[in-house]
């Protein structure tokens, strides 16, 4: 029992040593992280980004830096969140082209470029790259949002065009920080309360005008559609008339051809039937004649054969086979009656001879 207890204790000790060694000698990189290895003895920061898994770590030699692989957010808004990938700042207050103060709620998303997390660590920006990105994003947005006038802010088309112009500029400005912007979302635009009311009235007027223009386009398109529908209907009727005419002509031609074929078939049928009937009658007559000739020849040959000795014997045998006597009385006193012992005489009397 003591030996088993020592074995169990030893096994538990080995497992503990293995677990501690695994904890001290490896680092775990989660799916949402990017690993960068730094060699403290020589070599510095490696030029490779490591993905999910366990990586070797020798204490005192290797240092692992873990950066976020997930999409980062820069949010300019009064709203607050607890997500660690979101950098929050107050809304952007920017003067419009017509010198009105506009407040923007904007969200910009970006991520670390593939294969460049090691450059962020090598440049010593592991803890500061997000602040650098935030400063650059704010600067670019302020510079470009100032191009909008108060009235152009409620034009969806102009806002989308502005965002499409900003993204390439922002991508170029952030290239040195080894990140790439993904989307710019303008979530809200606000003006001072008094001006906001007037702007909403202008926006309503603008939307009404847009609606009227849209209705006009619909009516114009509907008129074009009706004109095209009428032209198509007329063309269809014309084509249908031509097709009906061609169909009738083809039908008439076909009916004439069918009548000609039927007449020719009728003539052929009658002629063929007449020839067949004549051939049948002739063949039947010739067959009957042949049968009669064969029967006559048969009778002639039979009579000839029966007229011979063998034939007469055959007839005698047939007659004898068919001859039945219930009783025969022979008068022994009659000299014409042969003796019972004289078989030849009896045969000549009964059958006869030639």
Protein backbone atom coordinates (compact mmCIF):
# COMPACT_ATOMS: atom_id res chain seq x y z
CA UNK A 1 0.00 0.00 0.00
CA UNK A 2 2.90 2.35 0.84
CA UNK A 3 4.45 1.63 -2.56
CA UNK A 4 1.17 2.50 -4.32
CA UNK A 5 0.85 5.70 -2.28
CA UNK A 6 4.43 6.70 -3.16
CA UNK A 7 3.71 5.98 -6.83
CA UNK A 8 0.56 8.12 -6.79
CA UNK A 9 2.36 10.97 -5.02
CA UNK A 10 5.24 10.76 -7.49
CA UNK A 11 2.86 10.75 -10.43
CA UNK A 12 1.04 13.80 -9.03
CA UNK A 13 4.39 15.53 -8.52
CA UNK A 14 5.43 14.81 -12.10
CA UNK A 15 2.10 16.15 -13.38
CA UNK A 16 2.53 19.30 -11.26
CA UNK A 17 6.07 19.81 -12.54
CA UNK A 18 4.84 19.29 -16.12
CA UNK A 19 2.00 21.80 -15.63
CA UNK A 20 4.34 24.38 -14.11
CA UNK A 21 6.88 23.83 -16.87
CA UNK A 22 4.14 24.25 -19.46
CA UNK A 23 2.99 27.46 -17.79
CA UNK A 24 6.50 28.89 -17.55
CA UNK A 25 7.86 27.64 -20.87
CA UNK A 26 4.90 28.43 -23.14
CA UNK A 27 2.67 31.36 -23.93
CA UNK A 28 -0.90 31.01 -25.18
CA UNK A 29 -2.03 33.26 -28.02
CA UNK A 30 -5.82 33.57 -28.19
CA UNK A 31 -7.76 33.74 -31.49
CA UNK A 32 -8.33 37.48 -31.03
CA UNK A 33 -4.63 38.20 -30.42
CA UNK A 34 -1.47 38.65 -32.47
CA UNK A 35 1.77 37.42 -30.91
CA UNK A 36 5.14 39.12 -31.42
CA UNK A 37 8.31 37.49 -30.02
CA UNK A 38 11.24 39.50 -28.69
CA UNK A 39 14.63 37.88 -27.95
CA UNK A 40 16.25 39.66 -25.02
CA UNK A 41 19.67 38.01 -25.52
CA UNK A 42 20.10 38.85 -29.18
CA UNK A 43 18.01 39.40 -32.26
CA UNK A 44 15.54 41.87 -30.79
CA UNK A 45 11.94 41.89 -32.03
CA UNK A 46 11.22 39.20 -34.58
CA UNK A 47 9.85 40.01 -38.02
CA UNK A 48 6.95 37.54 -37.78
CA UNK A 49 3.39 37.79 -36.47
CA UNK A 50 2.17 34.65 -34.69
CA UNK A 51 -1.39 33.37 -34.72
CA UNK A 52 -3.48 31.26 -32.32
CA UNK A 53 -1.69 28.50 -30.37
CA UNK A 54 0.98 27.75 -27.77
CA UNK A 55 4.46 29.21 -28.37
CA UNK A 56 7.79 28.46 -26.69
CA UNK A 57 8.94 30.95 -24.03
CA UNK A 58 12.23 30.69 -22.16
CA UNK A 59 12.10 32.94 -19.09
CA UNK A 60 14.73 35.66 -19.20
CA UNK A 61 15.30 35.17 -22.96
CA UNK A 62 11.92 35.47 -24.67
CA UNK A 63 9.34 38.20 -24.16
CA UNK A 64 5.98 37.89 -25.92
CA UNK A 65 3.93 40.94 -26.86
CA UNK A 66 0.20 40.41 -27.47
CA UNK A 67 -1.75 42.88 -29.64
CA UNK A 68 -5.41 42.98 -30.64
CA UNK A 69 -6.33 41.18 -33.85
CA UNK A 70 -9.95 42.37 -33.67
CA UNK A 71 -11.33 45.45 -35.38
CA UNK A 72 -10.62 48.65 -33.43
CA UNK A 73 -13.15 51.46 -33.05
CA UNK A 74 -12.67 55.21 -32.72
CA UNK A 75 -15.97 56.67 -31.49
CA UNK A 76 -16.70 60.39 -31.30
CA UNK A 77 -19.89 60.45 -29.24
CA UNK A 78 -21.41 61.18 -25.84
CA UNK A 79 -22.28 57.49 -25.47
CA UNK A 80 -19.84 55.32 -23.52
CA UNK A 81 -19.00 51.62 -23.71
CA UNK A 82 -16.83 49.13 -21.82
CA UNK A 83 -15.30 47.35 -24.83
CA UNK A 84 -11.51 47.46 -24.70
CA UNK A 85 -11.17 47.83 -28.47
CA UNK A 86 -13.09 51.13 -28.49
CA UNK A 87 -11.35 54.48 -28.06
CA UNK A 88 -13.94 57.10 -27.10
CA UNK A 89 -13.83 60.86 -27.54
CA UNK A 90 -16.45 63.61 -27.30
CA UNK A 91 -18.43 64.45 -30.47
CA UNK A 92 -16.61 66.49 -33.11
CA UNK A 93 -17.63 70.15 -33.19
CA UNK A 94 -16.79 71.56 -36.63
CA UNK A 95 -17.64 74.82 -38.37
CA UNK A 96 -19.44 74.36 -41.66
CA UNK A 97 -18.63 76.30 -44.81
CA UNK A 98 -21.39 78.77 -43.99
CA UNK A 99 -19.96 79.30 -40.46
CA UNK A 100 -22.47 77.25 -38.46
CA UNK A 101 -21.34 74.97 -35.64
CA UNK A 102 -22.18 71.31 -36.31
CA UNK A 103 -21.71 68.44 -33.87
CA UNK A 104 -20.86 65.06 -35.44
CA UNK A 105 -21.22 61.58 -33.92
CA UNK A 106 -18.76 59.50 -35.96
CA UNK A 107 -17.34 55.99 -35.68
CA UNK A 108 -14.21 54.89 -37.57
CA UNK A 109 -13.13 51.24 -37.66
CA UNK A 110 -9.63 50.02 -38.37
CA UNK A 111 -7.37 47.01 -37.80
CA UNK A 112 -3.68 46.19 -37.63
CA UNK A 113 -2.28 45.29 -41.05
CA UNK A 114 -1.49 41.63 -41.59
CA UNK A 115 2.15 40.91 -40.84
CA UNK A 116 2.92 44.39 -39.41
CA UNK A 117 2.18 43.95 -35.69
CA UNK A 118 5.88 43.20 -35.17
CA UNK A 119 6.73 46.61 -36.68
CA UNK A 120 4.51 48.36 -34.10
CA UNK A 121 6.41 46.59 -31.29
CA UNK A 122 9.81 47.17 -32.92
CA UNK A 123 9.09 50.91 -33.18
CA UNK A 124 8.09 51.03 -29.51
CA UNK A 125 4.46 51.94 -30.22
CA UNK A 126 2.77 48.96 -28.60
CA UNK A 127 1.01 51.15 -26.04
CA UNK A 128 0.81 54.38 -28.06
CA UNK A 129 -0.25 53.33 -31.58
CA UNK A 130 -3.95 53.64 -30.70
CA UNK A 131 -3.46 57.22 -29.45
CA UNK A 132 -1.55 58.03 -32.63
CA UNK A 133 -4.36 56.59 -34.74
CA UNK A 134 -6.95 58.54 -32.73
CA UNK A 135 -5.09 61.82 -33.26
CA UNK A 136 -4.67 61.19 -36.99
CA UNK A 137 -8.32 60.21 -37.46
CA UNK A 138 -9.57 63.30 -35.65
CA UNK A 139 -7.29 65.57 -37.68
CA UNK A 140 -8.38 64.10 -41.03
CA UNK A 141 -12.08 64.18 -40.11
CA UNK A 142 -11.95 67.80 -38.95
CA UNK A 143 -10.15 68.88 -42.09
CA UNK A 144 -12.56 67.17 -44.47
CA UNK A 145 -15.87 67.63 -42.62
CA UNK A 146 -15.29 71.37 -42.82
CA UNK A 147 -15.97 71.09 -46.57
CA UNK A 148 -19.67 70.50 -45.89
CA UNK A 149 -22.17 73.31 -45.74
CA UNK A 150 -25.14 73.24 -43.38
CA UNK A 151 -27.56 72.22 -46.11
CA UNK A 152 -25.27 69.59 -47.63
CA UNK A 153 -25.13 67.72 -44.29
CA UNK A 154 -28.62 66.31 -44.78
CA UNK A 155 -27.84 65.10 -48.31
CA UNK A 156 -27.14 61.38 -48.06
CA UNK A 157 -25.46 61.41 -51.45
CA UNK A 158 -23.03 64.19 -50.48
CA UNK A 159 -22.21 62.53 -47.14
CA UNK A 160 -21.43 59.22 -48.89
CA UNK A 161 -19.27 61.00 -51.47
CA UNK A 162 -17.41 62.79 -48.64
CA UNK A 163 -16.74 59.50 -46.83
CA UNK A 164 -15.49 57.93 -50.06
CA UNK A 165 -13.05 60.84 -50.47
CA UNK A 166 -11.86 60.67 -46.84
CA UNK A 167 -11.09 56.91 -46.73
CA UNK A 168 -8.12 56.99 -49.19
CA UNK A 169 -6.67 60.01 -47.40
CA UNK A 170 -7.07 58.35 -44.02
CA UNK A 171 -5.54 55.13 -45.37
CA UNK A 172 -2.50 57.08 -46.55
CA UNK A 173 -2.15 58.98 -43.25
CA UNK A 174 -2.41 55.80 -41.14
CA UNK A 175 -0.01 53.71 -43.22
CA UNK A 176 2.92 54.75 -41.01
CA UNK A 177 1.08 53.44 -37.95
CA UNK A 178 0.74 49.99 -39.60
CA UNK A 179 -3.06 50.00 -39.46
CA UNK A 180 -5.69 50.16 -42.21
CA UNK A 181 -9.08 51.96 -41.87
CA UNK A 182 -12.16 49.96 -42.84
CA UNK A 183 -15.27 52.13 -42.49
CA UNK A 184 -16.36 55.64 -41.59
CA UNK A 185 -19.88 55.90 -40.18
CA UNK A 186 -21.52 59.28 -39.64
CA UNK A 187 -24.12 58.39 -37.03
CA UNK A 188 -25.60 61.82 -36.24
CA UNK A 189 -25.22 65.52 -37.08
CA UNK A 190 -26.62 68.16 -34.75
CA UNK A 191 -26.83 71.96 -34.85
CA UNK A 192 -27.70 74.54 -32.16
CA UNK A 193 -31.36 74.22 -31.12
CA UNK A 194 -32.69 77.31 -32.89
CA UNK A 195 -30.82 76.69 -36.08
CA UNK A 196 -31.65 73.00 -35.91
CA UNK A 197 -35.37 73.83 -36.24
CA UNK A 198 -34.77 76.07 -39.23
CA UNK A 199 -32.50 73.49 -40.79
CA UNK A 200 -35.10 70.81 -40.33
CA UNK A 201 -37.62 73.01 -42.11
CA UNK A 202 -35.13 73.47 -44.94
CA UNK A 203 -34.49 69.77 -44.94
CA UNK A 204 -38.23 69.12 -45.14
CA UNK A 205 -38.45 71.55 -48.06
CA UNK A 206 -35.49 69.80 -49.65
CA UNK A 207 -37.06 66.39 -49.11
CA UNK A 208 -40.36 67.67 -50.52
CA UNK A 209 -38.55 68.96 -53.59
CA UNK A 210 -36.71 65.66 -53.92
CA UNK A 211 -40.03 63.84 -53.60
CA UNK A 212 -41.61 66.06 -56.27
CA UNK A 213 -38.67 65.46 -58.58
CA UNK A 214 -38.91 61.75 -57.92
CA UNK A 215 -42.64 61.80 -58.68
CA UNK A 216 -41.94 63.73 -61.88
CA UNK A 217 -39.34 61.17 -62.88
CA UNK A 218 -41.84 58.42 -62.14
CA UNK A 219 -44.51 60.15 -64.22
CA UNK A 220 -42.05 60.78 -67.06
CA UNK A 221 -40.92 57.18 -66.93
CA UNK A 222 -44.53 56.04 -66.78
CA UNK A 223 -45.34 58.11 -69.87
CA UNK A 224 -42.34 56.60 -71.65
CA UNK A 225 -43.44 53.18 -70.51
CA UNK A 226 -46.99 53.72 -71.76
CA UNK A 227 -45.68 55.01 -75.11
CA UNK A 228 -43.42 52.01 -75.42
CA UNK A 229 -46.26 49.72 -74.36
CA UNK A 230 -48.50 51.20 -77.06
CA UNK A 231 -45.74 50.83 -79.66
CA UNK A 232 -45.13 47.27 -78.54
CA UNK A 233 -48.86 46.52 -78.66
CA UNK A 234 -49.12 47.96 -82.19
CA UNK A 235 -46.05 46.04 -83.29
CA UNK A 236 -47.48 42.91 -81.71
CA UNK A 237 -50.79 43.33 -83.55
CA UNK A 238 -48.97 43.96 -86.83
CA UNK A 239 -46.77 40.93 -86.35
CA UNK A 240 -49.72 38.84 -85.23
CA UNK A 241 -51.63 39.86 -88.41
CA UNK A 242 -48.64 38.93 -90.58
CA UNK A 243 -48.24 35.66 -88.74
CA UNK A 244 -51.97 34.86 -89.08
CA UNK A 245 -51.77 35.60 -92.82
CA UNK A 246 -48.69 33.45 -93.25
CA UNK A 247 -50.29 30.73 -91.15
CA UNK A 248 -53.46 30.81 -93.28
CA UNK A 249 -51.43 30.69 -96.50
CA UNK A 250 -49.38 27.79 -95.16
CA UNK A 251 -52.57 26.07 -94.01
CA UNK A 252 -54.23 26.48 -97.43
CA UNK A 253 -51.13 25.20 -99.22
CA UNK A 254 -50.90 22.29 -96.83
CA UNK A 255 -54.59 21.42 -97.26
CA UNK A 256 -54.16 21.38 -101.06
CA UNK A 257 -51.10 19.14 -100.75
CA UNK A 258 -52.97 16.86 -98.35
CA UNK A 259 -55.93 16.63 -100.81
CA UNK A 260 -53.53 15.77 -103.65
CA UNK A 261 -51.84 13.12 -101.55
CA UNK A 262 -55.20 11.64 -100.49
CA UNK A 263 -56.45 11.54 -104.12
CA UNK A 264 -53.26 9.88 -105.30
CA UNK A 265 -53.52 7.43 -102.42
CA UNK A 266 -57.13 6.67 -103.32
CA UNK A 267 -56.21 6.00 -106.98
CA UNK A 268 -53.32 3.83 -105.93
CA UNK A 269 -55.53 1.99 -103.42
CA UNK A 270 -58.23 1.22 -105.97
CA UNK A 271 -55.76 0.13 -108.65
CA UNK A 272 -53.84 -2.01 -106.23
CA UNK A 273 -57.01 -3.57 -104.87
CA UNK A 274 -58.30 -4.34 -108.40
CA UNK A 275 -55.03 -5.98 -109.38
CA UNK A 276 -54.97 -7.87 -106.08
CA UNK A 277 -58.58 -9.10 -106.55
CA UNK A 278 -57.85 -10.25 -110.13
CA UNK A 279 -54.69 -11.99 -109.03
CA UNK A 280 -56.60 -13.61 -106.17
CA UNK A 281 -59.39 -14.90 -108.45
CA UNK A 282 -56.87 -16.23 -110.97
CA UNK A 283 -54.79 -17.85 -108.27
CA UNK A 284 -57.88 -19.49 -106.70
CA UNK A 285 -59.02 -20.86 -110.10
CA UNK A 286 -55.54 -22.17 -110.91
CA UNK A 287 -55.36 -23.72 -107.45
CA UNK A 288 -58.72 -25.45 -107.85
CA UNK A 289 -57.69 -26.73 -111.28
CA UNK A 290 -54.47 -28.07 -109.87
CA UNK A 291 -56.37 -29.78 -107.05
CA UNK A 292 -58.80 -31.36 -109.51
CA UNK A 293 -55.94 -32.54 -111.70
CA UNK A 294 -54.19 -33.97 -108.67
CA UNK A 295 -57.38 -35.79 -107.57
CA UNK A 296 -57.89 -37.19 -111.09
CA UNK A 297 -54.27 -38.32 -111.23
CA UNK A 298 -54.65 -39.83 -107.79
CA UNK A 299 -57.75 -41.81 -108.86
CA UNK A 300 -56.05 -42.90 -112.06
CA UNK A 301 -52.93 -44.05 -110.25
CA UNK A 302 -55.02 -45.79 -107.59
CA UNK A 303 -57.09 -47.65 -110.17
CA UNK A 304 -53.95 -48.64 -112.05
CA UNK A 305 -52.35 -49.88 -108.84
CA UNK A 306 -55.46 -51.80 -107.79
CA UNK A 307 -55.70 -53.44 -111.22
CA UNK A 308 -52.51 -55.37 -110.56
CA UNK A 309 -52.14 -58.70 -108.71
CA UNK A 310 -50.91 -56.93 -105.64
CA UNK A 311 -53.83 -54.52 -105.90
CA UNK A 312 -56.34 -57.26 -106.09
CA UNK A 313 -54.68 -59.02 -103.14
CA UNK A 314 -54.82 -55.72 -101.25
CA UNK A 315 -58.53 -55.39 -102.13
CA UNK A 316 -59.13 -58.97 -101.11
CA UNK A 317 -57.42 -58.34 -97.82
CA UNK A 318 -59.53 -55.22 -97.26
CA UNK A 319 -62.65 -57.15 -98.24
CA UNK A 320 -61.68 -60.04 -96.02
CA UNK A 321 -61.04 -57.64 -93.18
CA UNK A 322 -64.47 -56.12 -93.66
CA UNK A 323 -66.22 -59.41 -94.39
CA UNK A 324 -68.13 -60.81 -91.47
CA UNK A 325 -69.90 -64.16 -91.42
CA UNK A 326 -72.19 -65.03 -88.59
CA UNK A 327 -72.14 -68.66 -89.78
CA UNK A 328 -71.07 -70.70 -92.84
CA UNK A 329 -72.83 -73.92 -93.73
CA UNK A 330 -71.07 -76.20 -96.23
CA UNK A 331 -72.92 -79.04 -97.81
CA UNK A 332 -70.47 -81.84 -98.02
CA UNK A 333 -72.71 -83.67 -100.50
CA UNK A 334 -72.52 -80.79 -103.01
CA UNK A 335 -69.69 -81.52 -105.40
CA UNK A 336 -69.08 -77.75 -105.83
CA UNK A 337 -68.17 -77.38 -102.19
CA UNK A 338 -64.50 -78.12 -101.66
CA UNK A 339 -63.35 -80.23 -98.86
CA UNK A 340 -62.41 -78.58 -95.58
CA UNK A 341 -58.98 -79.96 -96.11
CA UNK A 342 -58.72 -78.21 -99.49
CA UNK A 343 -57.77 -74.70 -98.39
CA UNK A 344 -57.02 -73.49 -101.89
CA UNK A 345 -60.44 -74.50 -103.00
CA UNK A 346 -62.06 -72.68 -100.13
CA UNK A 347 -60.11 -69.50 -100.90
CA UNK A 348 -61.09 -69.63 -104.59
CA UNK A 349 -64.73 -70.12 -103.63
CA UNK A 350 -64.72 -67.26 -101.14
CA UNK A 351 -62.37 -64.82 -102.79
CA UNK A 352 -62.23 -65.90 -106.31
CA UNK A 353 -59.27 -65.94 -108.60
CA UNK A 354 -58.26 -64.37 -111.78
